[in-house]
Each structure stands twice: as structure tokens, then as C-alpha cells.
Amino acid sequence: MKKIAIAVLLSATFATPAIAAGPYIGLNVGQNKMDFSGAKASTAYSVFGGYSFNEYFAGELAYVDFGSADTDFPGVTAKGNLYSLSAVGSLPLGSDFSLFGKVGYASARAEATTIPSETKDDVTYGLGGQYNATRNVGLRLGYDIYRVKMGTETKDSAYWNIGALYMF
């Protein structure tokens, strides 16, 4: 039973909206804002890969680097990264465009200049849209929420991103 659950979760982790079944890889860039007092937004990027089981369901693995965010406190910066595994559900709106939502598990690490790194494992979720420019190239716009811990506080980290993916 445990092997079946793992297989379902892994399979949910590799899908792409509005495309035929198969693997894909991609890169996003955007802005991340950790909801900690005094933290400013930072430039972030992510790399991801997945497998689309059909046009409605996929599974996706991702690595996100939150970048380095300045703060209102002199000499203090905040940074972090995470790994995530998500199930992706999509709603095709024609042959080339789809909306998608995802939910999964993320392990996020955050730290500040004056605070040692902390790791927070929690649920992650997001939504977005994808336009398939060609049979193999898609463009995405997305919004993802992750839970991060710094010191004694646990807060949301919001990641707006735009990216491209290649479908094999």
C-alpha cells in the first residue's frame, strides 16, 4: 500500500497543463517576498521538472532559490531555498492555453545574517496559467506560497514567477 501511495504521489509530481503525456523541464524567475517584519522582496529563480500523465494531471519536482533580501535593519539580509514535490491539476482552455493549480510538500530553509538557518517542512500550493507556444515549448505565469521559519516565527513566502518549459 505504501509503494502505491508513493507511486501516485510521484506520478502526480510530473504533469504539465494542456499537453500530451510525457516529461518536461523548466526554469522560472520572479520576485519572492517573505512575510517577516522588515524583509523586502528579492529576485528568485526556480528550476523544475515533471511528468504529465495526461492533459489534466501531472507531478512536479522543483528547487527554488529565494535570493537575498535586504531588510529594514542595517547589515541584515535574509535568504533561503527549498525543494518541493507537487501534484498539478490543469484545466485546458483551448488547445494551447490552460490554467493550473498545484498542491504538494515543500522543505524550505531560511536564514538571516543574525539568525541561524531553520528548515520548515509544510504544505505548499500555487496557481497559474500556461501557454504552449509550440508542441515542445510552453510559457508559464505562476504564484506559489511556501511556509518558511526564521527564528521563532513561521510565515508565508509568496513567489510570483514567469518562466518557460520544454516538453519532451
Foldseek 3Di string as FASTA:
>chain_A
DVVVVVVVLQFLAAADAQAAWAKKKKKKWFWKDWPDAFWDIDIKMKIKMWTHHGNFKIKMKMKIWRHWTDGPDPPKIKTKIKIWIWGKGWDDDDRFKIKIKIKTKMWMWMEMPVFDIDIDIDMKMKIWMWGAPDNFKIKIWMKIWDWGDTDPDITIMITTIIIMMTGD
